[in-house]
Amino acid sequence: MGLTFNQLKQGIQDFLENSAASFTTATGSGKAPIEVCIELAELRIAKEVDLTAFRKINTFSLTQNVSTKAVPEDMVVPRYLRIQNGDFLLEKDETFIKEFNKNPSTTGTVRFYALNQTGTTYTSSNRQTNFLFGPTPSLATTIEIGYTMRVPGLSSSNQNTYLGDRAPDAILYGSLIEAVAFMKEIPQQIEMWNGYYSRALQTLANEEQIRMRNDEFRNGELKTMTRGQ
């Protein structure tokens, strides 16, 4: 069972018995409150669970004698960096790299990286965040990067997503939490949907972060605890 965008919207209205225009019709912001609730639920799940489907591998090139490179715009969390077909780089603090490579004109084979800000104001098209490398690369170098990305969410033009197809319970209950908050419902309502959401999120996390990343050959069969054990 999965939920498309339209099915999720209808499900939220059915669960809350609320199809009022003030909830389902776009306001001056250009978005309907129910759509904002879905977006907030998607963001919450993405922040709380490390989803395998939200991981990405890419490459970029370092310029000779240049120690910085802008991070990918869709990157949320870096997982690793390495020289393509070569050694992994060690993540360090910005201060470590500046101490290690006091003179940026001193070059060599890249060994370390850190995140640093350019000091320029953030914009929606440029987050003004760089990787800082040490030592400064003596040659043009291709870097492979693995990272967690922010993926497009459900919308009228994007009816299916990984969360909607694979975790419909989590996205539904997460949306209901945001919706009852918008509707100014009593705290007990929020608490109830939080309980359902927490259960759905835990099963999703178990599936994604434990069962999917532990094979039986290396770790044996994972045992499910039953009541009374």
C-alpha atoms as a PDB file:
ATOM      1  CA  MET A   1       0.000   0.000   0.000  1.00  0.00           C
ATOM      2  CA  GLY A   2       1.254   3.442  -0.897  1.00  0.00           C
ATOM      3  CA  LEU A   3      -0.199   6.928  -0.962  1.00  0.00           C
ATOM      4  CA  THR A   4      -0.004   9.349  -3.859  1.00  0.00           C
ATOM      5  CA  PHE A   5      -0.164  13.068  -3.182  1.00  0.00           C
ATOM      6  CA  ASN A   6      -3.872  13.207  -3.974  1.00  0.00           C
ATOM      7  CA  GLN A   7      -4.599  10.129  -1.866  1.00  0.00           C
ATOM      8  CA  LEU A   8      -2.646  11.543   1.070  1.00  0.00           C
ATOM      9  CA  LYS A   9      -4.504  14.850   0.893  1.00  0.00           C
ATOM     10  CA  GLN A  10      -7.829  13.045   0.849  1.00  0.00           C
ATOM     11  CA  GLY A  11      -6.754  10.741   3.670  1.00  0.00           C
ATOM     12  CA  ILE A  12      -5.858  13.694   5.899  1.00  0.00           C
ATOM     13  CA  GLN A  13      -9.238  15.280   5.253  1.00  0.00           C
ATOM     14  CA  ASP A  14     -11.023  11.985   5.959  1.00  0.00           C
ATOM     15  CA  PHE A  15      -9.172  11.294   9.199  1.00  0.00           C
ATOM     16  CA  LEU A  16      -9.821  14.811  10.508  1.00  0.00           C
ATOM     17  CA  GLU A  17     -13.263  15.218   8.895  1.00  0.00           C
ATOM     18  CA  ASN A  18     -12.098  18.576   7.618  1.00  0.00           C
ATOM     19  CA  SER A  19     -12.438  19.557   3.976  1.00  0.00           C
ATOM     20  CA  ALA A  20     -12.939  23.262   4.663  1.00  0.00           C
ATOM     21  CA  ALA A  21     -11.600  25.651   2.054  1.00  0.00           C
ATOM     22  CA  SER A  22      -9.524  27.366   4.743  1.00  0.00           C
ATOM     23  CA  PHE A  23      -7.598  24.087   5.051  1.00  0.00           C
ATOM     24  CA  THR A  24      -7.519  22.794   1.476  1.00  0.00           C
ATOM     25  CA  THR A  25      -7.315  25.954  -0.666  1.00  0.00           C
ATOM     26  CA  ALA A  26      -4.178  27.970  -1.368  1.00  0.00           C
ATOM     27  CA  THR A  27      -3.844  31.163   0.629  1.00  0.00           C
ATOM     28  CA  GLY A  28      -1.811  34.280  -0.051  1.00  0.00           C
ATOM     29  CA  SER A  29       1.347  32.182   0.412  1.00  0.00           C
ATOM     30  CA  GLY A  30       0.452  30.223  -2.722  1.00  0.00           C
ATOM     31  CA  LYS A  31       0.099  26.979  -0.794  1.00  0.00           C
ATOM     32  CA  ALA A  32      -2.863  25.377   0.905  1.00  0.00           C
ATOM     33  CA  PRO A  33      -2.356  24.712   4.648  1.00  0.00           C
ATOM     34  CA  ILE A  34      -2.837  20.988   4.055  1.00  0.00           C
ATOM     35  CA  GLU A  35       0.057  21.031   1.579  1.00  0.00           C
ATOM     36  CA  VAL A  36       2.271  22.856   4.070  1.00  0.00           C
ATOM     37  CA  CYS A  37       1.433  20.156   6.636  1.00  0.00           C
ATOM     38  CA  ILE A  38       2.608  17.474   4.201  1.00  0.00           C
ATOM     39  CA  GLU A  39       5.839  19.342   3.471  1.00  0.00           C
ATOM     40  CA  LEU A  40       6.604  19.747   7.183  1.00  0.00           C
ATOM     41  CA  ALA A  41       5.963  16.038   7.788  1.00  0.00           C
ATOM     42  CA  GLU A  42       8.294  15.064   4.939  1.00  0.00           C
ATOM     43  CA  LEU A  43      11.008  17.348   6.301  1.00  0.00           C
ATOM     44  CA  ARG A  44      10.606  15.925   9.805  1.00  0.00           C
ATOM     45  CA  ILE A  45      10.938  12.321   8.612  1.00  0.00           C
ATOM     46  CA  ALA A  46      13.988  13.153   6.486  1.00  0.00           C
ATOM     47  CA  LYS A  47      15.680  14.723   9.524  1.00  0.00           C
ATOM     48  CA  GLU A  48      14.794  11.926  11.934  1.00  0.00           C
ATOM     49  CA  VAL A  49      15.572   8.845   9.812  1.00  0.00           C
ATOM     50  CA  ASP A  50      18.667   8.163   7.704  1.00  0.00           C
ATOM     51  CA  LEU A  51      16.918   6.862   4.591  1.00  0.00           C
ATOM     52  CA  THR A  52      19.007   4.812   2.177  1.00  0.00           C
ATOM     53  CA  ALA A  53      16.968   6.151  -0.757  1.00  0.00           C
ATOM     54  CA  PHE A  54      18.056   9.693   0.154  1.00  0.00           C
ATOM     55  CA  ARG A  55      21.756   8.852  -0.253  1.00  0.00           C
ATOM     56  CA  LYS A  56      23.706   9.917  -3.316  1.00  0.00           C
ATOM     57  CA  ILE A  57      27.183   9.461  -4.786  1.00  0.00           C
ATOM     58  CA  ASN A  58      28.687  12.072  -7.083  1.00  0.00           C
ATOM     59  CA  THR A  59      32.031  13.518  -8.148  1.00  0.00           C
ATOM     60  CA  PHE A  60      33.508  16.978  -8.463  1.00  0.00           C
ATOM     61  CA  SER A  61      36.875  18.380  -9.512  1.00  0.00           C
ATOM     62  CA  LEU A  62      39.330  20.311  -7.373  1.00  0.00           C
ATOM     63  CA  THR A  63      41.292  22.978  -9.185  1.00  0.00           C
ATOM     64  CA  GLN A  64      45.075  22.936  -8.895  1.00  0.00           C
ATOM     65  CA  ASN A  65      46.303  25.335  -6.170  1.00  0.00           C
ATOM     66  CA  VAL A  66      42.741  26.077  -4.946  1.00  0.00           C
ATOM     67  CA  SER A  67      41.879  24.760  -1.464  1.00  0.00           C
ATOM     68  CA  THR A  68      38.081  25.251  -1.467  1.00  0.00           C
ATOM     69  CA  LYS A  69      35.095  23.881  -3.348  1.00  0.00           C
ATOM     70  CA  ALA A  70      31.397  24.725  -2.968  1.00  0.00           C
ATOM     71  CA  VAL A  71      29.335  21.909  -1.466  1.00  0.00           C
ATOM     72  CA  PRO A  72      26.594  20.370  -3.647  1.00  0.00           C
ATOM     73  CA  GLU A  73      23.428  22.453  -3.357  1.00  0.00           C
ATOM     74  CA  ASP A  74      21.289  19.371  -2.610  1.00  0.00           C
ATOM     75  CA  MET A  75      23.623  18.073   0.109  1.00  0.00           C
ATOM     76  CA  VAL A  76      22.271  17.804   3.641  1.00  0.00           C
ATOM     77  CA  VAL A  77      24.927  15.703   5.374  1.00  0.00           C
ATOM     78  CA  PRO A  78      28.279  14.564   3.917  1.00  0.00           C
ATOM     79  CA  ARG A  79      28.942  10.849   4.450  1.00  0.00           C
ATOM     80  CA  TYR A  80      32.428  10.550   3.011  1.00  0.00           C
ATOM     81  CA  LEU A  81      34.894  12.081   0.572  1.00  0.00           C
ATOM     82  CA  ARG A  82      37.710  10.305  -1.184  1.00  0.00           C
ATOM     83  CA  ILE A  83      40.067  10.780  -4.091  1.00  0.00           C
ATOM     84  CA  GLN A  84      38.368   8.984  -6.967  1.00  0.00           C
ATOM     85  CA  ASN A  85      39.680   5.405  -7.066  1.00  0.00           C
ATOM     86  CA  GLY A  86      41.995   6.331  -4.205  1.00  0.00           C
ATOM     87  CA  ASP A  87      42.212   7.064  -0.494  1.00  0.00           C
ATOM     88  CA  PHE A  88      39.421   8.341   1.718  1.00  0.00           C
ATOM     89  CA  LEU A  89      39.849  11.834   3.134  1.00  0.00           C
ATOM     90  CA  LEU A  90      39.725  12.446   6.862  1.00  0.00           C
ATOM     91  CA  GLU A  91      37.142  14.922   8.140  1.00  0.00           C
ATOM     92  CA  LYS A  92      38.651  17.549  10.422  1.00  0.00           C
ATOM     93  CA  ASP A  93      37.752  20.902  11.945  1.00  0.00           C
ATOM     94  CA  GLU A  94      38.413  24.008   9.889  1.00  0.00           C
ATOM     95  CA  THR A  95      40.910  25.135  12.531  1.00  0.00           C
ATOM     96  CA  PHE A  96      42.857  21.864  12.198  1.00  0.00           C
ATOM     97  CA  ILE A  97      43.310  22.347   8.460  1.00  0.00           C
ATOM     98  CA  LYS A  98      44.365  25.965   8.872  1.00  0.00           C
ATOM     99  CA  GLU A  99      46.893  24.924  11.513  1.00  0.00           C
ATOM    100  CA  PHE A 100      48.112  21.970   9.421  1.00  0.00           C
ATOM    101  CA  ASN A 101      48.417  24.075   6.276  1.00  0.00           C
ATOM    102  CA  LYS A 102      49.355  27.472   7.660  1.00  0.00           C
ATOM    103  CA  ASN A 103      50.377  28.702   4.223  1.00  0.00           C
ATOM    104  CA  PRO A 104      47.645  27.801   1.663  1.00  0.00           C
ATOM    105  CA  SER A 105      50.194  28.130  -1.131  1.00  0.00           C
ATOM    106  CA  THR A 106      51.889  25.005   0.229  1.00  0.00           C
ATOM    107  CA  THR A 107      50.520  22.193  -1.921  1.00  0.00           C
ATOM    108  CA  GLY A 108      50.410  18.418  -1.904  1.00  0.00           C
ATOM    109  CA  THR A 109      48.073  15.451  -2.146  1.00  0.00           C
ATOM    110  CA  VAL A 110      44.751  16.180  -0.434  1.00  0.00           C
ATOM    111  CA  ARG A 111      44.339  14.339   2.889  1.00  0.00           C
ATOM    112  CA  PHE A 112      41.803  16.292   4.964  1.00  0.00           C
ATOM    113  CA  TYR A 113      38.581  18.214   4.537  1.00  0.00           C
ATOM    114  CA  ALA A 114      36.285  20.420   6.604  1.00  0.00           C
ATOM    115  CA  LEU A 115      33.248  22.613   6.089  1.00  0.00           C
ATOM    116  CA  ASN A 116      33.615  26.378   6.134  1.00  0.00           C
ATOM    117  CA  GLN A 117      31.504  29.423   5.357  1.00  0.00           C
ATOM    118  CA  THR A 118      32.482  32.018   2.781  1.00  0.00           C
ATOM    119  CA  GLY A 119      31.220  34.907   4.885  1.00  0.00           C
ATOM    120  CA  THR A 120      28.784  35.863   2.140  1.00  0.00           C
ATOM    121  CA  THR A 121      25.057  36.071   2.796  1.00  0.00           C
ATOM    122  CA  TYR A 122      23.082  32.906   2.118  1.00  0.00           C
ATOM    123  CA  THR A 123      20.731  32.865  -0.863  1.00  0.00           C
ATOM    124  CA  SER A 124      18.230  30.268  -2.033  1.00  0.00           C
ATOM    125  CA  SER A 125      20.493  29.407  -4.971  1.00  0.00           C
ATOM    126  CA  ASN A 126      23.833  29.510  -3.128  1.00  0.00           C
ATOM    127  CA  ARG A 127      24.225  28.382   0.452  1.00  0.00           C
ATOM    128  CA  GLN A 128      27.725  29.918   0.600  1.00  0.00           C
ATOM    129  CA  THR A 129      29.229  26.814   2.209  1.00  0.00           C
ATOM    130  CA  ASN A 130      32.495  25.280   1.030  1.00  0.00           C
ATOM    131  CA  PHE A 131      34.666  22.276   1.599  1.00  0.00           C
ATOM    132  CA  LEU A 132      38.123  23.339   2.741  1.00  0.00           C
ATOM    133  CA  PHE A 133      40.885  20.896   1.806  1.00  0.00           C
ATOM    134  CA  GLY A 134      44.339  20.332   3.190  1.00  0.00           C
ATOM    135  CA  PRO A 135      46.886  20.417   1.885  1.00  0.00           C
ATOM    136  CA  THR A 136      45.963  22.624  -1.065  1.00  0.00           C
ATOM    137  CA  PRO A 137      45.882  20.258  -4.079  1.00  0.00           C
ATOM    138  CA  SER A 138      49.045  20.353  -6.149  1.00  0.00           C
ATOM    139  CA  LEU A 139      47.191  18.831  -9.111  1.00  0.00           C
ATOM    140  CA  ALA A 140      43.644  18.917 -10.449  1.00  0.00           C
ATOM    141  CA  THR A 141      41.930  16.161  -8.445  1.00  0.00           C
ATOM    142  CA  THR A 142      38.634  14.349  -8.894  1.00  0.00           C
ATOM    143  CA  ILE A 143      36.817  13.794  -5.599  1.00  0.00           C
ATOM    144  CA  GLU A 144      34.096  11.219  -5.041  1.00  0.00           C
ATOM    145  CA  ILE A 145      31.504  12.297  -2.479  1.00  0.00           C
ATOM    146  CA  GLY A 146      28.769  10.344  -0.763  1.00  0.00           C
ATOM    147  CA  TYR A 147      26.089  12.361   0.967  1.00  0.00           C
ATOM    148  CA  THR A 148      22.519  12.518   2.129  1.00  0.00           C
ATOM    149  CA  MET A 149      20.431  14.749  -0.098  1.00  0.00           C
ATOM    150  CA  ARG A 150      17.148  16.611   0.159  1.00  0.00           C
ATOM    151  CA  VAL A 151      14.745  15.085  -2.344  1.00  0.00           C
ATOM    152  CA  PRO A 152      11.657  16.657  -3.968  1.00  0.00           C
ATOM    153  CA  GLY A 153       8.490  16.064  -1.945  1.00  0.00           C
ATOM    154  CA  LEU A 154       4.943  15.172  -2.849  1.00  0.00           C
ATOM    155  CA  SER A 155       3.002  17.707  -4.870  1.00  0.00           C
ATOM    156  CA  SER A 156       0.301  17.910  -7.514  1.00  0.00           C
ATOM    157  CA  SER A 157       3.029  17.541 -10.145  1.00  0.00           C
ATOM    158  CA  ASN A 158       4.943  14.839  -8.217  1.00  0.00           C
ATOM    159  CA  GLN A 159       2.349  12.284  -7.182  1.00  0.00           C
ATOM    160  CA  ASN A 160       4.740   9.531  -6.060  1.00  0.00           C
ATOM    161  CA  THR A 161       7.783   9.657  -3.782  1.00  0.00           C
ATOM    162  CA  TYR A 162       9.753   7.118  -1.788  1.00  0.00           C
ATOM    163  CA  LEU A 163       8.044   8.118   1.465  1.00  0.00           C
ATOM    164  CA  GLY A 164       4.576   8.031  -0.063  1.00  0.00           C
ATOM    165  CA  ASP A 165       5.164   4.637  -1.652  1.00  0.00           C
ATOM    166  CA  ARG A 166       7.247   2.952   1.067  1.00  0.00           C
ATOM    167  CA  ALA A 167       6.260   4.680   4.307  1.00  0.00           C
ATOM    168  CA  PRO A 168       2.650   5.836   3.894  1.00  0.00           C
ATOM    169  CA  ASP A 169       1.899   5.413   7.600  1.00  0.00           C
ATOM    170  CA  ALA A 170       4.747   7.709   8.661  1.00  0.00           C
ATOM    171  CA  ILE A 171       3.885  10.426   6.154  1.00  0.00           C
ATOM    172  CA  LEU A 172       0.177  10.234   6.988  1.00  0.00           C
ATOM    173  CA  TYR A 173       0.598  10.410  10.769  1.00  0.00           C
ATOM    174  CA  GLY A 174       3.287  13.081  10.459  1.00  0.00           C
ATOM    175  CA  SER A 175       0.952  15.182   8.312  1.00  0.00           C
ATOM    176  CA  LEU A 176      -1.879  14.696  10.803  1.00  0.00           C
ATOM    177  CA  ILE A 177       0.294  16.044  13.627  1.00  0.00           C
ATOM    178  CA  GLU A 178       0.926  19.229  11.658  1.00  0.00           C
ATOM    179  CA  ALA A 179      -2.718  19.436  10.612  1.00  0.00           C
ATOM    180  CA  VAL A 180      -4.185  19.209  14.129  1.00  0.00           C
ATOM    181  CA  ALA A 181      -1.716  21.879  15.243  1.00  0.00           C
ATOM    182  CA  PHE A 182      -2.970  24.106  12.407  1.00  0.00           C
ATOM    183  CA  MET A 183      -6.565  23.388  13.424  1.00  0.00           C
ATOM    184  CA  LYS A 184      -5.813  24.362  17.058  1.00  0.00           C
ATOM    185  CA  GLU A 185      -7.018  21.004  18.311  1.00  0.00           C
ATOM    186  CA  ILE A 186      -6.748  19.996  21.957  1.00  0.00           C
ATOM    187  CA  PRO A 187      -3.339  18.687  23.146  1.00  0.00           C
ATOM    188  CA  GLN A 188      -4.735  15.160  23.469  1.00  0.00           C
ATOM    189  CA  GLN A 189      -5.272  15.059  19.703  1.00  0.00           C
ATOM    190  CA  ILE A 190      -1.678  16.013  19.023  1.00  0.00           C
ATOM    191  CA  GLU A 191      -0.485  13.489  21.606  1.00  0.00           C
ATOM    192  CA  MET A 192      -2.540  10.711  19.995  1.00  0.00           C
ATOM    193  CA  TRP A 193      -1.182  11.307  16.489  1.00  0.00           C
ATOM    194  CA  ASN A 194       2.319  11.703  17.900  1.00  0.00           C
ATOM    195  CA  GLY A 195       2.005   8.227  19.335  1.00  0.00           C
ATOM    196  CA  TYR A 196       0.985   6.745  15.991  1.00  0.00           C
ATOM    197  CA  TYR A 197       3.741   8.688  14.242  1.00  0.00           C
ATOM    198  CA  SER A 198       6.426   7.568  16.705  1.00  0.00           C
ATOM    199  CA  ARG A 199       5.482   3.924  16.176  1.00  0.00           C
ATOM    200  CA  ALA A 200       5.532   4.288  12.389  1.00  0.00           C
ATOM    201  CA  LEU A 201       8.841   6.157  12.492  1.00  0.00           C
ATOM    202  CA  GLN A 202      10.439   3.496  14.693  1.00  0.00           C
ATOM    203  CA  THR A 203       9.471   0.689  12.329  1.00  0.00           C
ATOM    204  CA  LEU A 204      10.765   2.742   9.390  1.00  0.00           C
ATOM    205  CA  ALA A 205      14.064   3.397  11.177  1.00  0.00           C
ATOM    206  CA  ASN A 206      14.408  -0.303  12.052  1.00  0.00           C
ATOM    207  CA  GLU A 207      13.854  -1.247   8.428  1.00  0.00           C
ATOM    208  CA  GLU A 208      16.142   1.397   6.943  1.00  0.00           C
ATOM    209  CA  GLN A 209      18.937   1.694   9.482  1.00  0.00           C
ATOM    210  CA  ILE A 210      19.124  -1.796  10.993  1.00  0.00           C
ATOM    211  CA  ARG A 211      17.587  -4.519   8.847  1.00  0.00           C
ATOM    212  CA  MET A 212      18.634  -3.036   5.491  1.00  0.00           C
ATOM    213  CA  ARG A 213      22.256  -2.509   6.616  1.00  0.00           C
ATOM    214  CA  ASN A 214      22.910  -5.841   8.322  1.00  0.00           C
ATOM    215  CA  ASP A 215      23.291  -8.922   6.173  1.00  0.00           C
ATOM    216  CA  GLU A 216      22.754 -12.424   7.588  1.00  0.00           C
ATOM    217  CA  PHE A 217      26.119 -13.730   6.380  1.00  0.00           C
ATOM    218  CA  ARG A 218      28.047 -11.279   8.532  1.00  0.00           C
ATOM    219  CA  ASN A 219      25.677 -10.682  11.445  1.00  0.00           C
ATOM    220  CA  GLY A 220      23.325 -13.684  11.420  1.00  0.00           C
ATOM    221  CA  GLU A 221      19.568 -13.406  11.433  1.00  0.00           C
ATOM    222  CA  LEU A 222      18.171 -10.437  13.303  1.00  0.00           C
ATOM    223  CA  LYS A 223      15.832 -11.633  16.016  1.00  0.00           C
ATOM    224  CA  THR A 224      12.580  -9.864  16.776  1.00  0.00           C
ATOM    225  CA  MET A 225      11.808  -9.655  20.470  1.00  0.00           C
ATOM    226  CA  THR A 226       8.349 -10.862  21.423  1.00  0.00           C
ATOM    227  CA  ARG A 227       6.323  -9.882  24.432  1.00  0.00           C
ATOM    228  CA  GLY A 228       7.580 -11.628  27.552  1.00  0.00           C
ATOM    229  CA  GLN A 229      11.183 -12.061  26.380  1.00  0.00           C
END
